[in-house]
N, C-alpha and C. Protein backbone atom coordinates (compact mmCIF):
# COMPACT_ATOMS: atom_id res chain seq x y z
N UNK A 1 1.65 -0.06 -4.72
CA UNK A 1 1.67 -1.21 -5.59
C UNK A 1 2.32 -0.83 -6.91
N UNK A 2 3.18 -1.67 -7.42
CA UNK A 2 3.83 -1.45 -8.71
C UNK A 2 2.87 -1.78 -9.83
N UNK A 3 3.21 -1.41 -11.00
CA UNK A 3 2.38 -1.73 -12.15
C UNK A 3 2.05 -0.45 -12.89
N UNK A 4 1.02 -0.35 -13.65
CA UNK A 4 0.08 -1.44 -13.88
C UNK A 4 0.69 -2.49 -14.80
N UNK A 5 0.32 -3.73 -14.57
CA UNK A 5 0.85 -4.82 -15.35
C UNK A 5 -0.07 -5.10 -16.53
N UNK A 6 0.47 -5.65 -17.61
CA UNK A 6 -0.36 -5.91 -18.79
C UNK A 6 -1.31 -7.08 -18.56
N UNK A 7 -2.36 -7.12 -19.38
CA UNK A 7 -3.26 -8.28 -19.35
C UNK A 7 -2.45 -9.51 -19.78
N UNK A 8 -2.89 -10.66 -19.33
CA UNK A 8 -2.17 -11.90 -19.60
C UNK A 8 -2.55 -12.47 -20.97
N UNK A 9 -2.29 -11.67 -22.01
CA UNK A 9 -2.48 -12.12 -23.39
C UNK A 9 -1.16 -11.90 -24.12
N UNK A 10 -0.91 -12.68 -25.15
CA UNK A 10 0.34 -12.52 -25.91
C UNK A 10 0.50 -11.09 -26.42
N UNK A 11 -0.56 -10.53 -27.03
CA UNK A 11 -0.46 -9.19 -27.59
C UNK A 11 -0.10 -8.15 -26.54
N UNK A 12 -0.79 -8.19 -25.41
CA UNK A 12 -0.54 -7.20 -24.35
C UNK A 12 0.84 -7.38 -23.72
N UNK A 13 1.26 -8.62 -23.53
CA UNK A 13 2.60 -8.85 -22.96
C UNK A 13 3.68 -8.40 -23.93
N UNK A 14 3.50 -8.64 -25.22
CA UNK A 14 4.49 -8.20 -26.22
C UNK A 14 4.55 -6.68 -26.25
N UNK A 15 3.39 -6.01 -26.19
CA UNK A 15 3.38 -4.54 -26.16
C UNK A 15 4.14 -4.00 -24.95
N UNK A 16 3.96 -4.65 -23.82
CA UNK A 16 4.53 -4.15 -22.55
C UNK A 16 5.98 -4.61 -22.34
N UNK A 17 6.23 -5.90 -22.50
CA UNK A 17 7.54 -6.48 -22.18
C UNK A 17 8.45 -6.64 -23.40
N UNK A 18 7.88 -6.60 -24.60
CA UNK A 18 8.65 -6.88 -25.81
C UNK A 18 8.44 -8.33 -26.23
N UNK A 19 8.96 -8.67 -27.40
CA UNK A 19 8.75 -10.00 -27.96
C UNK A 19 9.99 -10.86 -27.76
N UNK A 20 9.89 -11.90 -26.92
CA UNK A 20 11.05 -12.74 -26.64
C UNK A 20 11.41 -13.72 -27.75
N UNK A 21 10.58 -13.81 -28.78
CA UNK A 21 10.77 -14.83 -29.81
C UNK A 21 11.79 -14.39 -30.85
N UNK A 22 12.65 -15.32 -31.17
CA UNK A 22 13.59 -15.17 -32.28
C UNK A 22 13.31 -16.26 -33.29
N UNK A 23 14.10 -16.34 -34.35
CA UNK A 23 13.84 -17.34 -35.38
C UNK A 23 14.01 -18.78 -34.90
N UNK A 24 14.78 -18.99 -33.84
CA UNK A 24 15.05 -20.36 -33.36
C UNK A 24 14.82 -20.49 -31.87
N UNK A 25 13.79 -19.83 -31.36
CA UNK A 25 13.53 -19.85 -29.92
C UNK A 25 13.65 -18.46 -29.35
N UNK A 26 14.25 -18.36 -28.18
CA UNK A 26 14.39 -17.06 -27.53
C UNK A 26 15.36 -16.18 -28.32
N UNK A 27 15.03 -14.90 -28.42
CA UNK A 27 15.88 -13.92 -29.08
C UNK A 27 16.91 -13.40 -28.07
N UNK A 28 18.18 -13.79 -28.19
CA UNK A 28 19.17 -13.37 -27.20
C UNK A 28 19.39 -11.86 -27.17
N UNK A 29 19.19 -11.18 -28.30
CA UNK A 29 19.33 -9.71 -28.32
C UNK A 29 18.22 -9.06 -27.51
N UNK A 30 17.00 -9.58 -27.63
CA UNK A 30 15.89 -9.06 -26.82
C UNK A 30 16.21 -9.23 -25.35
N UNK A 31 16.62 -10.44 -24.98
CA UNK A 31 16.89 -10.69 -23.56
C UNK A 31 18.01 -9.80 -23.03
N UNK A 32 19.05 -9.60 -23.82
CA UNK A 32 20.15 -8.74 -23.38
C UNK A 32 19.66 -7.31 -23.12
N UNK A 33 18.67 -6.86 -23.88
CA UNK A 33 18.14 -5.50 -23.70
C UNK A 33 17.23 -5.38 -22.48
N UNK A 34 16.52 -6.45 -22.12
CA UNK A 34 15.50 -6.33 -21.08
C UNK A 34 15.88 -6.97 -19.75
N UNK A 35 16.94 -7.75 -19.71
CA UNK A 35 17.31 -8.43 -18.47
C UNK A 35 18.00 -7.48 -17.51
N UNK A 36 17.61 -7.58 -16.25
CA UNK A 36 18.28 -6.83 -15.19
C UNK A 36 18.61 -7.81 -14.08
N UNK A 37 19.79 -7.67 -13.53
CA UNK A 37 20.21 -8.51 -12.40
C UNK A 37 19.96 -7.73 -11.12
N UNK A 38 19.27 -8.38 -10.18
CA UNK A 38 19.04 -7.76 -8.89
C UNK A 38 19.68 -8.64 -7.81
N UNK A 39 20.17 -7.99 -6.77
CA UNK A 39 20.80 -8.70 -5.66
C UNK A 39 19.79 -8.82 -4.54
N UNK A 40 19.43 -10.03 -4.15
CA UNK A 40 18.46 -10.19 -3.06
C UNK A 40 19.06 -9.72 -1.73
N UNK A 41 18.22 -9.26 -0.80
CA UNK A 41 18.72 -8.77 0.49
C UNK A 41 19.06 -9.90 1.46
N UNK A 42 18.78 -11.13 1.08
CA UNK A 42 19.07 -12.29 1.92
C UNK A 42 19.67 -13.38 1.03
N UNK A 43 20.23 -14.41 1.67
CA UNK A 43 20.82 -15.51 0.91
C UNK A 43 19.73 -16.32 0.22
N UNK A 44 19.99 -16.61 -1.06
CA UNK A 44 19.08 -17.44 -1.83
C UNK A 44 19.88 -18.53 -2.51
N UNK A 45 19.19 -19.63 -2.84
CA UNK A 45 19.86 -20.71 -3.55
C UNK A 45 18.96 -21.19 -4.68
N UNK A 46 19.59 -21.76 -5.69
CA UNK A 46 18.90 -22.38 -6.83
C UNK A 46 19.40 -23.81 -6.91
N UNK A 47 18.52 -24.77 -6.75
CA UNK A 47 18.88 -26.19 -6.74
C UNK A 47 20.01 -26.47 -5.75
N UNK A 48 19.92 -25.82 -4.59
CA UNK A 48 20.90 -26.04 -3.53
C UNK A 48 22.19 -25.26 -3.65
N UNK A 49 22.36 -24.50 -4.74
CA UNK A 49 23.59 -23.73 -4.94
C UNK A 49 23.30 -22.25 -4.72
N UNK A 50 24.20 -21.55 -4.01
CA UNK A 50 23.96 -20.12 -3.74
C UNK A 50 23.87 -19.30 -5.03
N UNK A 51 22.99 -18.31 -5.02
CA UNK A 51 22.89 -17.37 -6.14
C UNK A 51 23.21 -15.97 -5.61
N UNK A 52 23.98 -15.23 -6.39
CA UNK A 52 24.33 -13.87 -5.99
C UNK A 52 23.33 -12.85 -6.51
N UNK A 53 22.72 -13.16 -7.66
CA UNK A 53 21.75 -12.22 -8.23
C UNK A 53 20.69 -13.00 -9.00
N UNK A 54 19.55 -12.34 -9.20
CA UNK A 54 18.43 -12.91 -9.93
C UNK A 54 18.27 -12.16 -11.24
N UNK A 55 18.10 -12.87 -12.33
CA UNK A 55 17.85 -12.24 -13.63
C UNK A 55 16.34 -12.11 -13.81
N UNK A 56 15.86 -10.87 -13.95
CA UNK A 56 14.44 -10.59 -14.14
C UNK A 56 14.29 -9.56 -15.25
N UNK A 57 13.08 -9.41 -15.78
CA UNK A 57 12.81 -8.35 -16.75
C UNK A 57 12.96 -7.01 -16.03
N UNK A 58 13.58 -6.07 -16.70
CA UNK A 58 13.81 -4.76 -16.08
C UNK A 58 12.53 -4.11 -15.57
N UNK A 59 11.39 -4.38 -16.23
CA UNK A 59 10.14 -3.75 -15.82
C UNK A 59 9.57 -4.33 -14.52
N UNK A 60 10.01 -5.51 -14.09
CA UNK A 60 9.53 -6.05 -12.81
C UNK A 60 10.59 -5.95 -11.72
N UNK A 61 11.77 -5.49 -12.06
CA UNK A 61 12.89 -5.48 -11.11
C UNK A 61 12.56 -4.74 -9.82
N UNK A 62 11.99 -3.53 -9.91
CA UNK A 62 11.68 -2.77 -8.71
C UNK A 62 10.65 -3.48 -7.85
N UNK A 63 9.65 -4.09 -8.49
CA UNK A 63 8.61 -4.80 -7.74
C UNK A 63 9.17 -6.03 -7.04
N UNK A 64 10.03 -6.79 -7.72
CA UNK A 64 10.63 -7.97 -7.10
C UNK A 64 11.53 -7.54 -5.94
N UNK A 65 12.32 -6.50 -6.15
CA UNK A 65 13.18 -6.00 -5.06
C UNK A 65 12.35 -5.56 -3.87
N UNK A 66 11.25 -4.84 -4.12
CA UNK A 66 10.40 -4.38 -3.02
C UNK A 66 9.81 -5.57 -2.25
N UNK A 67 9.34 -6.59 -2.97
CA UNK A 67 8.79 -7.77 -2.31
C UNK A 67 9.85 -8.48 -1.47
N UNK A 68 11.04 -8.66 -2.03
CA UNK A 68 12.11 -9.34 -1.28
C UNK A 68 12.54 -8.53 -0.07
N UNK A 69 12.60 -7.21 -0.21
CA UNK A 69 12.95 -6.35 0.92
C UNK A 69 11.90 -6.43 2.02
N UNK A 70 10.64 -6.54 1.63
CA UNK A 70 9.57 -6.67 2.62
C UNK A 70 9.69 -8.01 3.36
N UNK A 71 10.07 -9.07 2.67
CA UNK A 71 10.21 -10.40 3.27
C UNK A 71 11.38 -10.45 4.23
N UNK A 72 12.45 -9.73 3.92
CA UNK A 72 13.69 -9.76 4.72
C UNK A 72 13.44 -9.20 6.10
N UNK A 73 13.65 -10.03 7.10
CA UNK A 73 13.44 -9.64 8.50
C UNK A 73 14.76 -9.57 9.27
N UNK A 74 15.84 -9.44 8.54
CA UNK A 74 17.19 -9.39 9.15
C UNK A 74 17.50 -10.68 9.89
N UNK A 75 16.86 -11.77 9.47
CA UNK A 75 17.06 -13.07 10.10
C UNK A 75 16.92 -14.14 9.02
N UNK A 76 18.05 -14.70 8.58
CA UNK A 76 18.04 -15.66 7.48
C UNK A 76 17.19 -16.88 7.81
N UNK A 77 17.23 -17.36 9.05
CA UNK A 77 16.45 -18.55 9.42
C UNK A 77 14.96 -18.30 9.25
N UNK A 78 14.49 -17.09 9.59
CA UNK A 78 13.07 -16.76 9.42
C UNK A 78 12.70 -16.72 7.94
N UNK A 79 13.58 -16.15 7.12
CA UNK A 79 13.32 -16.09 5.69
C UNK A 79 13.30 -17.51 5.11
N UNK A 80 14.23 -18.35 5.53
CA UNK A 80 14.26 -19.72 5.04
C UNK A 80 12.93 -20.44 5.33
N UNK A 81 12.34 -20.18 6.49
CA UNK A 81 11.06 -20.82 6.85
C UNK A 81 9.92 -20.36 5.95
N UNK A 82 10.02 -19.16 5.38
CA UNK A 82 8.95 -18.66 4.51
C UNK A 82 8.97 -19.34 3.14
N UNK A 83 10.12 -19.87 2.75
CA UNK A 83 10.28 -20.46 1.42
C UNK A 83 10.89 -19.50 0.41
N UNK A 84 11.08 -18.24 0.79
CA UNK A 84 11.56 -17.22 -0.15
C UNK A 84 13.01 -17.40 -0.57
N UNK A 85 13.80 -18.09 0.22
CA UNK A 85 15.23 -18.21 -0.11
C UNK A 85 15.51 -19.33 -1.11
N UNK A 86 14.49 -20.13 -1.41
CA UNK A 86 14.63 -21.24 -2.37
C UNK A 86 14.12 -20.78 -3.73
N UNK A 87 15.03 -20.30 -4.56
CA UNK A 87 14.71 -19.69 -5.85
C UNK A 87 14.68 -20.75 -6.93
N UNK A 88 13.65 -20.69 -7.80
CA UNK A 88 13.54 -21.69 -8.87
C UNK A 88 13.57 -21.05 -10.26
N UNK A 89 13.83 -19.74 -10.34
CA UNK A 89 14.03 -19.12 -11.64
C UNK A 89 13.01 -18.08 -12.02
N UNK A 90 13.37 -17.35 -13.07
CA UNK A 90 12.51 -16.32 -13.65
C UNK A 90 12.47 -16.51 -15.17
N UNK A 91 13.54 -16.10 -15.87
CA UNK A 91 13.59 -16.27 -17.33
C UNK A 91 13.70 -17.75 -17.67
N UNK A 92 12.79 -18.22 -18.53
CA UNK A 92 12.85 -19.59 -19.03
C UNK A 92 11.97 -19.63 -20.27
N UNK A 93 12.58 -19.59 -21.43
CA UNK A 93 11.83 -19.56 -22.68
C UNK A 93 11.21 -20.92 -22.93
N UNK A 94 9.86 -20.99 -22.85
CA UNK A 94 9.14 -22.24 -23.04
C UNK A 94 7.66 -21.95 -23.19
N UNK A 95 6.93 -22.97 -23.65
CA UNK A 95 5.47 -22.86 -23.70
C UNK A 95 4.89 -23.38 -22.40
N UNK A 96 3.64 -22.98 -22.14
CA UNK A 96 2.92 -23.46 -20.97
C UNK A 96 2.61 -24.94 -21.21
N UNK A 97 2.82 -25.76 -20.20
CA UNK A 97 2.53 -27.19 -20.33
C UNK A 97 1.10 -27.40 -20.81
N UNK A 98 0.95 -28.22 -21.85
CA UNK A 98 -0.36 -28.52 -22.41
C UNK A 98 -0.93 -27.42 -23.29
N UNK A 99 -0.06 -26.52 -23.77
CA UNK A 99 -0.52 -25.36 -24.54
C UNK A 99 0.50 -25.01 -25.63
N UNK A 100 0.12 -24.12 -26.54
CA UNK A 100 1.06 -23.58 -27.51
C UNK A 100 1.45 -22.15 -27.16
N UNK A 101 0.95 -21.62 -26.04
CA UNK A 101 1.23 -20.25 -25.62
C UNK A 101 2.53 -20.17 -24.84
N UNK A 102 3.25 -19.08 -25.05
CA UNK A 102 4.49 -18.88 -24.29
C UNK A 102 4.18 -18.67 -22.81
N UNK A 103 4.98 -19.28 -21.98
CA UNK A 103 4.91 -19.08 -20.54
C UNK A 103 5.30 -17.64 -20.21
N UNK A 104 4.78 -17.14 -19.09
CA UNK A 104 5.19 -15.81 -18.64
C UNK A 104 6.66 -15.79 -18.26
N UNK A 105 7.24 -16.95 -17.99
CA UNK A 105 8.68 -17.03 -17.76
C UNK A 105 9.45 -16.66 -19.02
N UNK A 106 8.88 -16.90 -20.18
CA UNK A 106 9.53 -16.53 -21.44
C UNK A 106 9.74 -15.02 -21.53
N UNK A 107 8.84 -14.26 -20.91
CA UNK A 107 8.92 -12.80 -20.91
C UNK A 107 9.76 -12.28 -19.74
N UNK A 108 10.16 -13.17 -18.83
CA UNK A 108 10.90 -12.73 -17.65
C UNK A 108 10.02 -11.98 -16.67
N UNK A 109 8.70 -12.23 -16.72
CA UNK A 109 7.77 -11.52 -15.84
C UNK A 109 7.13 -12.47 -14.82
N UNK A 110 7.74 -13.63 -14.61
CA UNK A 110 7.26 -14.58 -13.61
C UNK A 110 8.46 -15.11 -12.84
N UNK A 111 8.24 -15.35 -11.57
CA UNK A 111 9.32 -15.86 -10.71
C UNK A 111 8.76 -17.01 -9.88
N UNK A 112 9.58 -18.04 -9.68
CA UNK A 112 9.19 -19.21 -8.89
C UNK A 112 10.04 -19.29 -7.64
N UNK A 113 9.38 -19.56 -6.52
CA UNK A 113 10.04 -19.69 -5.23
C UNK A 113 9.55 -20.94 -4.52
N UNK A 114 10.43 -21.59 -3.79
CA UNK A 114 10.11 -22.74 -2.95
C UNK A 114 9.47 -23.89 -3.74
N UNK A 115 10.18 -24.38 -4.76
CA UNK A 115 9.58 -25.39 -5.63
C UNK A 115 9.37 -26.76 -4.99
N UNK A 116 10.15 -27.11 -4.01
CA UNK A 116 10.10 -28.46 -3.45
C UNK A 116 8.74 -28.87 -2.92
N UNK A 117 8.02 -27.94 -2.31
CA UNK A 117 6.72 -28.26 -1.72
C UNK A 117 5.60 -27.40 -2.29
N UNK A 118 5.83 -26.78 -3.43
CA UNK A 118 4.85 -25.87 -4.00
C UNK A 118 4.67 -26.08 -5.50
N UNK A 119 4.64 -27.33 -5.92
CA UNK A 119 4.51 -27.65 -7.33
C UNK A 119 3.08 -27.56 -7.82
N UNK A 120 2.88 -27.96 -9.08
CA UNK A 120 1.54 -27.96 -9.69
C UNK A 120 0.55 -28.74 -8.85
N UNK A 121 -0.64 -28.23 -8.76
CA UNK A 121 -1.78 -28.90 -8.12
C UNK A 121 -1.52 -29.30 -6.68
N UNK A 122 -0.79 -28.46 -5.95
CA UNK A 122 -0.60 -28.70 -4.52
C UNK A 122 -1.43 -27.71 -3.72
N UNK A 123 -2.50 -27.22 -4.30
CA UNK A 123 -3.38 -26.27 -3.61
C UNK A 123 -2.63 -24.99 -3.32
N UNK A 124 -2.67 -24.58 -2.08
CA UNK A 124 -1.97 -23.36 -1.66
C UNK A 124 -0.51 -23.64 -1.33
N UNK A 125 -0.11 -24.92 -1.33
CA UNK A 125 1.28 -25.27 -1.05
C UNK A 125 1.67 -24.92 0.36
N UNK A 126 2.98 -24.74 0.56
CA UNK A 126 3.51 -24.46 1.89
C UNK A 126 4.16 -23.09 1.98
N UNK A 127 4.19 -22.34 0.89
CA UNK A 127 4.85 -21.04 0.91
C UNK A 127 4.13 -20.11 1.89
N UNK A 128 4.88 -19.35 2.62
CA UNK A 128 4.33 -18.51 3.68
C UNK A 128 3.48 -17.36 3.12
N UNK A 129 2.45 -17.00 3.88
CA UNK A 129 1.64 -15.83 3.53
C UNK A 129 2.49 -14.56 3.52
N UNK A 130 3.58 -14.55 4.25
CA UNK A 130 4.49 -13.39 4.24
C UNK A 130 4.98 -13.16 2.82
N UNK A 131 5.35 -14.23 2.13
CA UNK A 131 5.85 -14.14 0.75
C UNK A 131 4.71 -13.79 -0.20
N UNK A 132 3.61 -14.49 -0.09
CA UNK A 132 2.46 -14.26 -0.96
C UNK A 132 2.01 -12.80 -0.85
N UNK A 133 1.84 -12.33 0.37
CA UNK A 133 1.36 -10.96 0.58
C UNK A 133 2.35 -9.92 0.05
N UNK A 134 3.64 -10.16 0.23
CA UNK A 134 4.64 -9.20 -0.25
C UNK A 134 4.59 -9.06 -1.77
N UNK A 135 4.45 -10.18 -2.47
CA UNK A 135 4.37 -10.12 -3.93
C UNK A 135 3.03 -9.54 -4.39
N UNK A 136 1.95 -9.89 -3.72
CA UNK A 136 0.65 -9.33 -4.09
C UNK A 136 0.62 -7.82 -3.90
N UNK A 137 1.29 -7.32 -2.88
CA UNK A 137 1.34 -5.88 -2.68
C UNK A 137 2.04 -5.16 -3.83
N UNK A 138 2.84 -5.91 -4.58
CA UNK A 138 3.52 -5.34 -5.76
C UNK A 138 2.70 -5.58 -7.03
N UNK A 139 1.52 -6.13 -6.88
CA UNK A 139 0.63 -6.34 -8.02
C UNK A 139 0.79 -7.69 -8.71
N UNK A 140 1.61 -8.57 -8.14
CA UNK A 140 1.81 -9.89 -8.76
C UNK A 140 0.58 -10.78 -8.53
N UNK A 141 0.31 -11.63 -9.50
CA UNK A 141 -0.68 -12.69 -9.31
C UNK A 141 0.05 -13.90 -8.75
N UNK A 142 -0.63 -14.61 -7.85
CA UNK A 142 -0.02 -15.79 -7.22
C UNK A 142 -0.67 -17.05 -7.76
N UNK A 143 0.17 -18.02 -8.13
CA UNK A 143 -0.31 -19.28 -8.68
C UNK A 143 -1.13 -20.13 -7.72
N UNK A 144 -1.03 -19.88 -6.43
CA UNK A 144 -1.86 -20.58 -5.46
C UNK A 144 -3.33 -20.19 -5.56
N UNK A 145 -3.60 -19.04 -6.20
CA UNK A 145 -4.97 -18.59 -6.40
C UNK A 145 -5.55 -19.03 -7.73
N UNK A 146 -4.75 -19.68 -8.57
CA UNK A 146 -5.24 -20.10 -9.88
C UNK A 146 -6.42 -21.06 -9.71
N UNK A 147 -7.37 -20.97 -10.61
CA UNK A 147 -8.51 -21.89 -10.62
C UNK A 147 -8.13 -23.12 -11.44
N UNK A 148 -8.54 -24.27 -10.99
CA UNK A 148 -8.19 -25.50 -11.70
C UNK A 148 -6.82 -25.98 -11.27
N UNK A 149 -5.80 -25.69 -12.07
CA UNK A 149 -4.44 -26.15 -11.81
C UNK A 149 -3.67 -25.08 -11.03
N UNK A 150 -3.43 -25.32 -9.75
CA UNK A 150 -2.70 -24.34 -8.94
C UNK A 150 -1.19 -24.50 -9.15
N UNK A 151 -0.46 -23.45 -8.83
CA UNK A 151 0.99 -23.42 -8.99
C UNK A 151 1.57 -22.49 -7.92
N UNK A 152 1.56 -22.91 -6.64
CA UNK A 152 1.87 -22.00 -5.55
C UNK A 152 3.31 -21.49 -5.47
N UNK A 153 4.21 -22.03 -6.28
CA UNK A 153 5.57 -21.47 -6.29
C UNK A 153 5.66 -20.24 -7.20
N UNK A 154 4.60 -19.98 -7.98
CA UNK A 154 4.63 -19.06 -9.11
C UNK A 154 4.02 -17.70 -8.80
N UNK A 155 4.76 -16.63 -9.12
CA UNK A 155 4.28 -15.26 -9.03
C UNK A 155 4.51 -14.62 -10.40
N UNK A 156 3.49 -13.92 -10.92
CA UNK A 156 3.61 -13.33 -12.25
C UNK A 156 3.10 -11.91 -12.28
N UNK A 157 3.77 -11.09 -13.07
CA UNK A 157 3.44 -9.68 -13.15
C UNK A 157 2.64 -9.40 -14.41
N UNK A 158 1.39 -9.85 -14.37
CA UNK A 158 0.37 -9.62 -15.39
C UNK A 158 -0.94 -9.42 -14.66
N UNK A 159 -1.94 -8.89 -15.36
CA UNK A 159 -3.24 -8.69 -14.69
C UNK A 159 -4.28 -9.59 -15.33
């Protein structure tokens, strides 16, 4: 298992991942220093368009690559059925809906997959246990396990 990941508090995430905030939103210099592009082992798309690489925080890159490699069964149709090929993003500087706290996407330590059928409050959603288990083995928390408001497309590298 990769990690250890920081506690899910602003202070701990800033200590571990750095501070994404600049004077007018996201600090582009911070992001340039911490962003790493990884190439998935299978075809992925974002909003129906093919993606060649995923932008993630450098500290989660190995864990995301390991999870994607575990999901890859040398059969694109099988991967498509798991929901893993439908990418919805990682870096996204914003606050958590209904809060003043920065989203883990602001730190580049959260990734969303299979958004069409795995949105907020859809319980466990439709994403395959193959995907959930692969990310959990890397120490990611899964939004389908959240108490109250579930988010089954969401995987985050915090503890």
